[in-house]
Amino acid sequence: RNSRVCSAVDPPPLSPVRHELPERLSVVCSSGSSYAGCYMLHSGRRLNGFPVWKKDIGDLLLFSTESGMWAISRESFVHEPGQDPGAIVCTRRHLGVLPDKMQVCDFE
């Protein structure tokens, strides 16, 4: 089985205390995956009750699936009813924790 492993990485904070959603997330992959890159907060948009980040280039979204896992997928696949449309999905449920605050968020 070929698996793509990526991790959501919190960029260095601009101030010592942050009480808001991160404006950007960096996704780092072990290989030259198209999922790697900078994801910007998609202001005002939520999926499954959680915020959404959109890749700065292309149509990829980082979002919460219905089953409570962070996923990255093309925007056009996100709205298919009844299934988790993640092209790559975090290997652990987030239990309400944002991707930049999870101790481990490896995507496969």
PDB file of N, CA and C in Angstrom:
ATOM      1  N   ARG A   1       0.855  -1.183   0.000  1.00  0.00           N
ATOM      2  CA  ARG A   1       0.000   0.000   0.000  1.00  0.00           C
ATOM      3  C   ARG A   1       0.892   1.234   0.000  1.00  0.00           C
ATOM      4  N   ASN A   2       0.658   2.101  -0.923  1.00  0.00           N
ATOM      5  CA  ASN A   2       1.388   3.374  -0.936  1.00  0.00           C
ATOM      6  C   ASN A   2       0.631   4.369  -0.085  1.00  0.00           C
ATOM      7  N   SER A   3       1.323   4.969   0.860  1.00  0.00           N
ATOM      8  CA  SER A   3       0.660   5.985   1.668  1.00  0.00           C
ATOM      9  C   SER A   3       1.457   7.270   1.588  1.00  0.00           C
ATOM     10  N   ARG A   4       0.748   8.363   1.572  1.00  0.00           N
ATOM     11  CA  ARG A   4       1.369   9.681   1.573  1.00  0.00           C
ATOM     12  C   ARG A   4       1.269  10.200   2.990  1.00  0.00           C
ATOM     13  N   VAL A   5       2.375  10.569   3.563  1.00  0.00           N
ATOM     14  CA  VAL A   5       2.343  11.054   4.928  1.00  0.00           C
ATOM     15  C   VAL A   5       2.660  12.534   4.936  1.00  0.00           C
ATOM     16  N   CYS A   6       1.748  13.302   5.477  1.00  0.00           N
ATOM     17  CA  CYS A   6       1.897  14.745   5.592  1.00  0.00           C
ATOM     18  C   CYS A   6       1.583  15.122   7.033  1.00  0.00           C
ATOM     19  N   SER A   7       2.074  16.249   7.463  1.00  0.00           N
ATOM     20  CA  SER A   7       1.798  16.739   8.811  1.00  0.00           C
ATOM     21  C   SER A   7       1.410  18.192   8.760  1.00  0.00           C
ATOM     22  N   ALA A   8       0.444  18.586   9.585  1.00  0.00           N
ATOM     23  CA  ALA A   8       0.083  19.994   9.726  1.00  0.00           C
ATOM     24  C   ALA A   8       1.041  20.605  10.738  1.00  0.00           C
ATOM     25  N   VAL A   9       1.660  21.695  10.366  1.00  0.00           N
ATOM     26  CA  VAL A   9       2.657  22.329  11.217  1.00  0.00           C
ATOM     27  C   VAL A   9       2.204  23.745  11.529  1.00  0.00           C
ATOM     28  N   ASP A  10       2.270  24.112  12.782  1.00  0.00           N
ATOM     29  CA  ASP A  10       1.891  25.454  13.205  1.00  0.00           C
ATOM     30  C   ASP A  10       3.015  26.413  12.869  1.00  0.00           C
ATOM     31  N   PRO A  11       2.754  27.492  12.129  1.00  0.00           N
ATOM     32  CA  PRO A  11       3.808  28.475  11.875  1.00  0.00           C
ATOM     33  C   PRO A  11       4.181  29.190  13.169  1.00  0.00           C
ATOM     34  N   PRO A  12       5.371  29.776  13.242  1.00  0.00           N
ATOM     35  CA  PRO A  12       5.749  30.474  14.471  1.00  0.00           C
ATOM     36  C   PRO A  12       4.722  31.546  14.817  1.00  0.00           C
ATOM     37  N   PRO A  13       4.342  31.662  16.102  1.00  0.00           N
ATOM     38  CA  PRO A  13       3.338  32.655  16.479  1.00  0.00           C
ATOM     39  C   PRO A  13       3.853  34.074  16.296  1.00  0.00           C
ATOM     40  N   LEU A  14       2.949  34.967  15.923  1.00  0.00           N
ATOM     41  CA  LEU A  14       3.312  36.366  15.753  1.00  0.00           C
ATOM     42  C   LEU A  14       3.311  37.091  17.084  1.00  0.00           C
ATOM     43  N   SER A  15       2.609  36.552  18.061  1.00  0.00           N
ATOM     44  CA  SER A  15       2.601  37.128  19.399  1.00  0.00           C
ATOM     45  C   SER A  15       2.618  35.974  20.400  1.00  0.00           C
ATOM     46  N   PRO A  16       3.021  36.221  21.641  1.00  0.00           N
ATOM     47  CA  PRO A  16       3.133  35.133  22.600  1.00  0.00           C
ATOM     48  C   PRO A  16       1.817  34.435  22.920  1.00  0.00           C
ATOM     49  N   VAL A  17       0.703  35.126  22.828  1.00  0.00           N
ATOM     50  CA  VAL A  17      -0.592  34.529  23.158  1.00  0.00           C
ATOM     51  C   VAL A  17      -1.520  34.703  21.968  1.00  0.00           C
ATOM     52  N   ARG A  18      -2.117  33.583  21.538  1.00  0.00           N
ATOM     53  CA  ARG A  18      -3.090  33.640  20.445  1.00  0.00           C
ATOM     54  C   ARG A  18      -4.376  33.004  20.918  1.00  0.00           C
ATOM     55  N   HIS A  19      -5.471  33.713  20.758  1.00  0.00           N
ATOM     56  CA  HIS A  19      -6.763  33.179  21.165  1.00  0.00           C
ATOM     57  C   HIS A  19      -7.683  32.988  19.963  1.00  0.00           C
ATOM     58  N   GLU A  20      -7.156  33.129  18.775  1.00  0.00           N
ATOM     59  CA  GLU A  20      -7.993  33.035  17.595  1.00  0.00           C
ATOM     60  C   GLU A  20      -7.520  31.884  16.717  1.00  0.00           C
ATOM     61  N   LEU A  21      -8.287  31.631  15.688  1.00  0.00           N
ATOM     62  CA  LEU A  21      -7.924  30.583  14.736  1.00  0.00           C
ATOM     63  C   LEU A  21      -6.662  30.996  13.983  1.00  0.00           C
ATOM     64  N   PRO A  22      -5.783  30.054  13.686  1.00  0.00           N
ATOM     65  CA  PRO A  22      -4.598  30.405  12.906  1.00  0.00           C
ATOM     66  C   PRO A  22      -5.007  30.846  11.496  1.00  0.00           C
ATOM     67  N   GLU A  23      -4.438  31.946  11.049  1.00  0.00           N
ATOM     68  CA  GLU A  23      -4.739  32.454   9.703  1.00  0.00           C
ATOM     69  C   GLU A  23      -4.166  31.542   8.625  1.00  0.00           C
ATOM     70  N   ARG A  24      -3.036  30.879   8.955  1.00  0.00           N
ATOM     71  CA  ARG A  24      -2.442  29.984   7.964  1.00  0.00           C
ATOM     72  C   ARG A  24      -1.875  28.759   8.655  1.00  0.00           C
ATOM     73  N   LEU A  25      -1.871  27.673   7.920  1.00  0.00           N
ATOM     74  CA  LEU A  25      -1.273  26.418   8.358  1.00  0.00           C
ATOM     75  C   LEU A  25      -0.327  25.951   7.265  1.00  0.00           C
ATOM     76  N   SER A  26       0.799  25.414   7.655  1.00  0.00           N
ATOM     77  CA  SER A  26       1.725  24.828   6.691  1.00  0.00           C
ATOM     78  C   SER A  26       1.585  23.321   6.767  1.00  0.00           C
ATOM     79  N   VAL A  27       1.389  22.690   5.621  1.00  0.00           N
ATOM     80  CA  VAL A  27       1.335  21.240   5.539  1.00  0.00           C
ATOM     81  C   VAL A  27       2.628  20.780   4.889  1.00  0.00           C
ATOM     82  N   VAL A  28       3.344  19.923   5.606  1.00  0.00           N
ATOM     83  CA  VAL A  28       4.637  19.429   5.152  1.00  0.00           C
ATOM     84  C   VAL A  28       4.491  17.943   4.859  1.00  0.00           C
ATOM     85  N   CYS A  29       4.975  17.517   3.698  1.00  0.00           N
ATOM     86  CA  CYS A  29       4.865  16.121   3.297  1.00  0.00           C
ATOM     87  C   CYS A  29       6.247  15.497   3.135  1.00  0.00           C
ATOM     88  N   SER A  30       6.301  14.180   3.322  1.00  0.00           N
ATOM     89  CA  SER A  30       7.570  13.470   3.226  1.00  0.00           C
ATOM     90  C   SER A  30       8.077  13.390   1.787  1.00  0.00           C
ATOM     91  N   SER A  31       7.227  13.570   0.822  1.00  0.00           N
ATOM     92  CA  SER A  31       7.639  13.581  -0.581  1.00  0.00           C
ATOM     93  C   SER A  31       7.045  14.813  -1.247  1.00  0.00           C
ATOM     94  N   GLY A  32       7.312  15.012  -2.487  1.00  0.00           N
ATOM     95  CA  GLY A  32       6.835  16.192  -3.206  1.00  0.00           C
ATOM     96  C   GLY A  32       5.357  16.139  -3.514  1.00  0.00           C
ATOM     97  N   SER A  33       4.541  15.969  -2.508  1.00  0.00           N
ATOM     98  CA  SER A  33       3.101  15.834  -2.674  1.00  0.00           C
ATOM     99  C   SER A  33       2.450  17.169  -3.003  1.00  0.00           C
ATOM    100  N   SER A  34       1.401  17.113  -3.796  1.00  0.00           N
ATOM    101  CA  SER A  34       0.646  18.332  -4.120  1.00  0.00           C
ATOM    102  C   SER A  34      -0.146  18.840  -2.916  1.00  0.00           C
ATOM    103  N   TYR A  35      -0.267  18.028  -1.856  1.00  0.00           N
ATOM    104  CA  TYR A  35      -0.975  18.455  -0.646  1.00  0.00           C
ATOM    105  C   TYR A  35      -0.139  19.401   0.214  1.00  0.00           C
ATOM    106  N   ALA A  36       1.166  19.378   0.037  1.00  0.00           N
ATOM    107  CA  ALA A  36       2.056  20.239   0.827  1.00  0.00           C
ATOM    108  C   ALA A  36       1.859  21.690   0.426  1.00  0.00           C
ATOM    109  N   GLY A  37       2.019  22.583   1.407  1.00  0.00           N
ATOM    110  CA  GLY A  37       1.945  24.006   1.102  1.00  0.00           C
ATOM    111  C   GLY A  37       1.266  24.793   2.198  1.00  0.00           C
ATOM    112  N   CYS A  38       0.953  26.021   1.879  1.00  0.00           N
ATOM    113  CA  CYS A  38       0.352  26.958   2.816  1.00  0.00           C
ATOM    114  C   CYS A  38      -1.164  26.963   2.620  1.00  0.00           C
ATOM    115  N   TYR A  39      -1.880  26.796   3.720  1.00  0.00           N
ATOM    116  CA  TYR A  39      -3.343  26.817   3.717  1.00  0.00           C
ATOM    117  C   TYR A  39      -3.799  28.030   4.517  1.00  0.00           C
ATOM    118  N   MET A  40      -4.627  28.856   3.891  1.00  0.00           N
ATOM    119  CA  MET A  40      -5.119  30.085   4.514  1.00  0.00           C
ATOM    120  C   MET A  40      -6.541  29.861   5.038  1.00  0.00           C
ATOM    121  N   LEU A  41      -6.825  30.449   6.202  1.00  0.00           N
ATOM    122  CA  LEU A  41      -8.155  30.346   6.786  1.00  0.00           C
ATOM    123  C   LEU A  41      -9.182  30.865   5.790  1.00  0.00           C
ATOM    124  N   HIS A  42     -10.190  30.061   5.508  1.00  0.00           N
ATOM    125  CA  HIS A  42     -11.266  30.417   4.578  1.00  0.00           C
ATOM    126  C   HIS A  42     -12.312  31.156   5.413  1.00  0.00           C
ATOM    127  N   SER A  43     -12.132  32.437   5.561  1.00  0.00           N
ATOM    128  CA  SER A  43     -12.888  33.272   6.504  1.00  0.00           C
ATOM    129  C   SER A  43     -14.391  33.042   6.420  1.00  0.00           C
ATOM    130  N   GLY A  44     -14.964  32.727   7.571  1.00  0.00           N
ATOM    131  CA  GLY A  44     -16.416  32.576   7.653  1.00  0.00           C
ATOM    132  C   GLY A  44     -16.938  31.227   7.198  1.00  0.00           C
ATOM    133  N   ARG A  45     -16.107  30.387   6.612  1.00  0.00           N
ATOM    134  CA  ARG A  45     -16.592  29.097   6.116  1.00  0.00           C
ATOM    135  C   ARG A  45     -16.318  28.005   7.143  1.00  0.00           C
ATOM    136  N   ARG A  46     -17.323  27.159   7.340  1.00  0.00           N
ATOM    137  CA  ARG A  46     -17.191  26.031   8.255  1.00  0.00           C
ATOM    138  C   ARG A  46     -17.768  24.792   7.576  1.00  0.00           C
ATOM    139  N   LEU A  47     -17.168  23.670   7.849  1.00  0.00           N
ATOM    140  CA  LEU A  47     -17.702  22.388   7.405  1.00  0.00           C
ATOM    141  C   LEU A  47     -17.784  21.480   8.622  1.00  0.00           C
ATOM    142  N   ASN A  48     -18.900  20.832   8.794  1.00  0.00           N
ATOM    143  CA  ASN A  48     -19.099  19.921   9.917  1.00  0.00           C
ATOM    144  C   ASN A  48     -18.800  20.593  11.258  1.00  0.00           C
ATOM    145  N   GLY A  49     -19.076  21.910  11.325  1.00  0.00           N
ATOM    146  CA  GLY A  49     -18.929  22.666  12.554  1.00  0.00           C
ATOM    147  C   GLY A  49     -17.531  23.188  12.832  1.00  0.00           C
ATOM    148  N   PHE A  50     -16.595  22.989  11.924  1.00  0.00           N
ATOM    149  CA  PHE A  50     -15.213  23.400  12.142  1.00  0.00           C
ATOM    150  C   PHE A  50     -14.728  24.313  11.019  1.00  0.00           C
ATOM    151  N   PRO A  51     -13.701  25.122  11.308  1.00  0.00           N
ATOM    152  CA  PRO A  51     -13.176  26.035  10.285  1.00  0.00           C
ATOM    153  C   PRO A  51     -12.524  25.276   9.127  1.00  0.00           C
ATOM    154  N   VAL A  52     -12.374  25.992   8.040  1.00  0.00           N
ATOM    155  CA  VAL A  52     -11.803  25.442   6.810  1.00  0.00           C
ATOM    156  C   VAL A  52     -10.621  26.310   6.403  1.00  0.00           C
ATOM    157  N   TRP A  53      -9.557  25.666   5.927  1.00  0.00           N
ATOM    158  CA  TRP A  53      -8.415  26.380   5.348  1.00  0.00           C
ATOM    159  C   TRP A  53      -8.303  25.970   3.899  1.00  0.00           C
ATOM    160  N   LYS A  54      -8.001  26.948   3.021  1.00  0.00           N
ATOM    161  CA  LYS A  54      -7.875  26.703   1.574  1.00  0.00           C
ATOM    162  C   LYS A  54      -6.431  26.882   1.168  1.00  0.00           C
ATOM    163  N   LYS A  55      -5.916  25.957   0.369  1.00  0.00           N
ATOM    164  CA  LYS A  55      -4.532  26.059  -0.091  1.00  0.00           C
ATOM    165  C   LYS A  55      -4.376  27.317  -0.929  1.00  0.00           C
ATOM    166  N   ASP A  56      -3.255  28.002  -0.737  1.00  0.00           N
ATOM    167  CA  ASP A  56      -3.059  29.281  -1.424  1.00  0.00           C
ATOM    168  C   ASP A  56      -2.985  29.123  -2.938  1.00  0.00           C
ATOM    169  N   ILE A  57      -2.632  27.947  -3.425  1.00  0.00           N
ATOM    170  CA  ILE A  57      -2.592  27.681  -4.867  1.00  0.00           C
ATOM    171  C   ILE A  57      -3.434  26.433  -5.132  1.00  0.00           C
ATOM    172  N   GLY A  58      -4.418  26.548  -5.995  1.00  0.00           N
ATOM    173  CA  GLY A  58      -5.252  25.396  -6.323  1.00  0.00           C
ATOM    174  C   GLY A  58      -6.564  25.383  -5.568  1.00  0.00           C
ATOM    175  N   ASP A  59      -7.202  24.203  -5.565  1.00  0.00           N
ATOM    176  CA  ASP A  59      -8.542  24.103  -4.983  1.00  0.00           C
ATOM    177  C   ASP A  59      -8.604  23.110  -3.820  1.00  0.00           C
ATOM    178  N   LEU A  60      -7.498  22.906  -3.107  1.00  0.00           N
ATOM    179  CA  LEU A  60      -7.494  21.988  -1.971  1.00  0.00           C
ATOM    180  C   LEU A  60      -7.971  22.675  -0.700  1.00  0.00           C
ATOM    181  N   LEU A  61      -8.745  21.935   0.100  1.00  0.00           N
ATOM    182  CA  LEU A  61      -9.225  22.420   1.391  1.00  0.00           C
ATOM    183  C   LEU A  61      -8.725  21.495   2.491  1.00  0.00           C
ATOM    184  N   LEU A  62      -8.418  22.081   3.649  1.00  0.00           N
ATOM    185  CA  LEU A  62      -8.152  21.326   4.879  1.00  0.00           C
ATOM    186  C   LEU A  62      -9.382  21.551   5.743  1.00  0.00           C
ATOM    187  N   PHE A  63     -10.060  20.472   6.144  1.00  0.00           N
ATOM    188  CA  PHE A  63     -11.360  20.588   6.798  1.00  0.00           C
ATOM    189  C   PHE A  63     -11.604  19.377   7.690  1.00  0.00           C
ATOM    190  N   SER A  64     -12.644  19.449   8.510  1.00  0.00           N
ATOM    191  CA  SER A  64     -13.046  18.324   9.347  1.00  0.00           C
ATOM    192  C   SER A  64     -14.076  17.484   8.597  1.00  0.00           C
ATOM    193  N   THR A  65     -13.884  16.173   8.630  1.00  0.00           N
ATOM    194  CA  THR A  65     -14.868  15.272   8.038  1.00  0.00           C
ATOM    195  C   THR A  65     -16.031  15.086   9.013  1.00  0.00           C
ATOM    196  N   GLU A  66     -17.102  14.463   8.549  1.00  0.00           N
ATOM    197  CA  GLU A  66     -18.244  14.158   9.415  1.00  0.00           C
ATOM    198  C   GLU A  66     -17.839  13.239  10.552  1.00  0.00           C
ATOM    199  N   SER A  67     -16.822  12.417  10.339  1.00  0.00           N
ATOM    200  CA  SER A  67     -16.388  11.464  11.372  1.00  0.00           C
ATOM    201  C   SER A  67     -15.345  12.053  12.316  1.00  0.00           C
ATOM    202  N   GLY A  68     -15.075  13.374  12.207  1.00  0.00           N
ATOM    203  CA  GLY A  68     -14.197  14.041  13.155  1.00  0.00           C
ATOM    204  C   GLY A  68     -12.719  13.848  12.906  1.00  0.00           C
ATOM    205  N   MET A  69     -12.337  13.790  11.640  1.00  0.00           N
ATOM    206  CA  MET A  69     -10.922  13.676  11.293  1.00  0.00           C
ATOM    207  C   MET A  69     -10.566  14.820  10.351  1.00  0.00           C
ATOM    208  N   TRP A  70      -9.372  15.389  10.522  1.00  0.00           N
ATOM    209  CA  TRP A  70      -8.934  16.423   9.590  1.00  0.00           C
ATOM    210  C   TRP A  70      -8.586  15.760   8.271  1.00  0.00           C
ATOM    211  N   ALA A  71      -8.967  16.400   7.181  1.00  0.00           N
ATOM    212  CA  ALA A  71      -8.736  15.844   5.853  1.00  0.00           C
ATOM    213  C   ALA A  71      -8.342  16.953   4.889  1.00  0.00           C
ATOM    214  N   ILE A  72      -7.717  16.546   3.800  1.00  0.00           N
ATOM    215  CA  ILE A  72      -7.400  17.471   2.708  1.00  0.00           C
ATOM    216  C   ILE A  72      -7.956  16.853   1.438  1.00  0.00           C
ATOM    217  N   SER A  73      -8.713  17.654   0.708  1.00  0.00           N
ATOM    218  CA  SER A  73      -9.343  17.176  -0.516  1.00  0.00           C
ATOM    219  C   SER A  73      -9.613  18.345  -1.439  1.00  0.00           C
ATOM    220  N   ARG A  74      -9.864  18.031  -2.694  1.00  0.00           N
ATOM    221  CA  ARG A  74     -10.309  19.067  -3.634  1.00  0.00           C
ATOM    222  C   ARG A  74     -11.663  19.583  -3.198  1.00  0.00           C
ATOM    223  N   GLU A  75     -11.851  20.867  -3.383  1.00  0.00           N
ATOM    224  CA  GLU A  75     -13.114  21.497  -2.973  1.00  0.00           C
ATOM    225  C   GLU A  75     -14.315  20.839  -3.644  1.00  0.00           C
ATOM    226  N   SER A  76     -14.175  20.420  -4.892  1.00  0.00           N
ATOM    227  CA  SER A  76     -15.302  19.832  -5.618  1.00  0.00           C
ATOM    228  C   SER A  76     -15.752  18.495  -5.025  1.00  0.00           C
ATOM    229  N   PHE A  77     -14.880  17.797  -4.262  1.00  0.00           N
ATOM    230  CA  PHE A  77     -15.243  16.513  -3.666  1.00  0.00           C
ATOM    231  C   PHE A  77     -15.805  16.639  -2.257  1.00  0.00           C
ATOM    232  N   VAL A  78     -15.721  17.814  -1.662  1.00  0.00           N
ATOM    233  CA  VAL A  78     -16.089  18.000  -0.264  1.00  0.00           C
ATOM    234  C   VAL A  78     -17.583  17.848  -0.024  1.00  0.00           C
ATOM    235  N   HIS A  79     -18.401  18.144  -0.983  1.00  0.00           N
ATOM    236  CA  HIS A  79     -19.850  18.213  -0.768  1.00  0.00           C
ATOM    237  C   HIS A  79     -20.606  16.969  -1.202  1.00  0.00           C
ATOM    238  N   GLU A  80     -19.918  15.840  -1.373  1.00  0.00           N
ATOM    239  CA  GLU A  80     -20.617  14.618  -1.743  1.00  0.00           C
ATOM    240  C   GLU A  80     -21.290  14.046  -0.502  1.00  0.00           C
ATOM    241  N   PRO A  81     -22.627  13.956  -0.512  1.00  0.00           N
ATOM    242  CA  PRO A  81     -23.337  13.521   0.699  1.00  0.00           C
ATOM    243  C   PRO A  81     -23.028  12.076   1.083  1.00  0.00           C
ATOM    244  N   GLY A  82     -22.995  11.835   2.402  1.00  0.00           N
ATOM    245  CA  GLY A  82     -22.894  10.484   2.903  1.00  0.00           C
ATOM    246  C   GLY A  82     -21.520   9.859   2.919  1.00  0.00           C
ATOM    247  N   GLN A  83     -20.487  10.591   2.553  1.00  0.00           N
ATOM    248  CA  GLN A  83     -19.163   9.996   2.614  1.00  0.00           C
ATOM    249  C   GLN A  83     -18.140  11.038   3.044  1.00  0.00           C
ATOM    250  N   ASP A  84     -17.066  10.563   3.650  1.00  0.00           N
ATOM    251  CA  ASP A  84     -15.969  11.448   4.006  1.00  0.00           C
ATOM    252  C   ASP A  84     -15.090  11.605   2.773  1.00  0.00           C
ATOM    253  N   PRO A  85     -15.048  12.803   2.220  1.00  0.00           N
ATOM    254  CA  PRO A  85     -14.420  13.000   0.922  1.00  0.00           C
ATOM    255  C   PRO A  85     -12.924  13.284   0.983  1.00  0.00           C
ATOM    256  N   GLY A  86     -12.271  13.042   2.079  1.00  0.00           N
ATOM    257  CA  GLY A  86     -10.855  13.378   2.199  1.00  0.00           C
ATOM    258  C   GLY A  86      -9.998  12.554   1.264  1.00  0.00           C
ATOM    259  N   ALA A  87      -9.188  13.231   0.478  1.00  0.00           N
ATOM    260  CA  ALA A  87      -8.227  12.536  -0.363  1.00  0.00           C
ATOM    261  C   ALA A  87      -7.123  11.974   0.524  1.00  0.00           C
ATOM    262  N   ILE A  88      -6.722  12.749   1.522  1.00  0.00           N
ATOM    263  CA  ILE A  88      -5.861  12.242   2.582  1.00  0.00           C
ATOM    264  C   ILE A  88      -6.508  12.642   3.904  1.00  0.00           C
ATOM    265  N   VAL A  89      -6.434  11.766   4.883  1.00  0.00           N
ATOM    266  CA  VAL A  89      -7.140  11.964   6.145  1.00  0.00           C
ATOM    267  C   VAL A  89      -6.156  11.755   7.287  1.00  0.00           C
ATOM    268  N   CYS A  90      -6.278  12.593   8.318  1.00  0.00           N
ATOM    269  CA  CYS A  90      -5.462  12.439   9.518  1.00  0.00           C
ATOM    270  C   CYS A  90      -5.719  11.073  10.120  1.00  0.00           C
ATOM    271  N   THR A  91      -4.683  10.442  10.627  1.00  0.00           N
ATOM    272  CA  THR A  91      -4.807   9.075  11.140  1.00  0.00           C
ATOM    273  C   THR A  91      -5.499   9.006  12.500  1.00  0.00           C
ATOM    274  N   ARG A  92      -5.784  10.158  13.129  1.00  0.00           N
ATOM    275  CA  ARG A  92      -6.476  10.196  14.425  1.00  0.00           C
ATOM    276  C   ARG A  92      -7.655  11.155  14.371  1.00  0.00           C
ATOM    277  N   ARG A  93      -8.690  10.859  15.141  1.00  0.00           N
ATOM    278  CA  ARG A  93      -9.813  11.795  15.288  1.00  0.00           C
ATOM    279  C   ARG A  93      -9.320  13.013  16.048  1.00  0.00           C
ATOM    280  N   HIS A  94      -9.866  14.177  15.692  1.00  0.00           N
ATOM    281  CA  HIS A  94      -9.354  15.401  16.329  1.00  0.00           C
ATOM    282  C   HIS A  94     -10.013  15.725  17.664  1.00  0.00           C
ATOM    283  N   LEU A  95     -11.191  15.182  17.948  1.00  0.00           N
ATOM    284  CA  LEU A  95     -11.896  15.418  19.210  1.00  0.00           C
ATOM    285  C   LEU A  95     -12.025  16.904  19.530  1.00  0.00           C
ATOM    286  N   GLY A  96     -12.194  17.712  18.490  1.00  0.00           N
ATOM    287  CA  GLY A  96     -12.381  19.152  18.662  1.00  0.00           C
ATOM    288  C   GLY A  96     -11.117  19.973  18.666  1.00  0.00           C
ATOM    289  N   VAL A  97      -9.954  19.335  18.558  1.00  0.00           N
ATOM    290  CA  VAL A  97      -8.676  20.046  18.579  1.00  0.00           C
ATOM    291  C   VAL A  97      -8.326  20.484  17.155  1.00  0.00           C
ATOM    292  N   LEU A  98      -7.925  21.751  17.011  1.00  0.00           N
ATOM    293  CA  LEU A  98      -7.548  22.271  15.694  1.00  0.00           C
ATOM    294  C   LEU A  98      -6.262  21.603  15.209  1.00  0.00           C
ATOM    295  N   PRO A  99      -6.045  21.553  13.879  1.00  0.00           N
ATOM    296  CA  PRO A  99      -4.889  20.818  13.344  1.00  0.00           C
ATOM    297  C   PRO A  99      -3.537  21.302  13.890  1.00  0.00           C
ATOM    298  N   ASP A 100      -3.402  22.588  14.133  1.00  0.00           N
ATOM    299  CA  ASP A 100      -2.118  23.108  14.608  1.00  0.00           C
ATOM    300  C   ASP A 100      -1.868  22.810  16.082  1.00  0.00           C
ATOM    301  N   LYS A 101      -2.901  22.347  16.798  1.00  0.00           N
ATOM    302  CA  LYS A 101      -2.764  22.051  18.230  1.00  0.00           C
ATOM    303  C   LYS A 101      -2.704  20.547  18.517  1.00  0.00           C
ATOM    304  N   MET A 102      -2.887  19.729  17.503  1.00  0.00           N
ATOM    305  CA  MET A 102      -2.821  18.284  17.706  1.00  0.00           C
ATOM    306  C   MET A 102      -1.371  17.860  17.889  1.00  0.00           C
ATOM    307  N   GLN A 103      -1.145  16.949  18.839  1.00  0.00           N
ATOM    308  CA  GLN A 103       0.224  16.468  19.052  1.00  0.00           C
ATOM    309  C   GLN A 103       0.720  15.728  17.830  1.00  0.00           C
ATOM    310  N   VAL A 104      -0.137  14.935  17.229  1.00  0.00           N
ATOM    311  CA  VAL A 104       0.206  14.210  16.012  1.00  0.00           C
ATOM    312  C   VAL A 104      -0.962  14.334  15.047  1.00  0.00           C
ATOM    313  N   CYS A 105      -0.671  14.761  13.845  1.00  0.00           N
ATOM    314  CA  CYS A 105      -1.704  14.792  12.798  1.00  0.00           C
ATOM    315  C   CYS A 105      -1.041  14.386  11.498  1.00  0.00           C
ATOM    316  N   ASP A 106      -0.763  13.089  11.382  1.00  0.00           N
ATOM    317  CA  ASP A 106      -0.195  12.574  10.148  1.00  0.00           C
ATOM    318  C   ASP A 106      -1.347  12.190   9.234  1.00  0.00           C
ATOM    319  N   PHE A 107      -1.242  12.604   7.979  1.00  0.00           N
ATOM    320  CA  PHE A 107      -2.268  12.321   6.992  1.00  0.00           C
ATOM    321  C   PHE A 107      -1.809  11.140   6.136  1.00  0.00           C
ATOM    322  N   GLU A 108      -2.757  10.267   5.812  1.00  0.00           N
ATOM    323  CA  GLU A 108      -2.471   9.166   4.879  1.00  0.00           C
ATOM    324  C   GLU A 108      -3.532   9.131   3.819  1.00  0.00           C
TER     325      GLU A 108
END
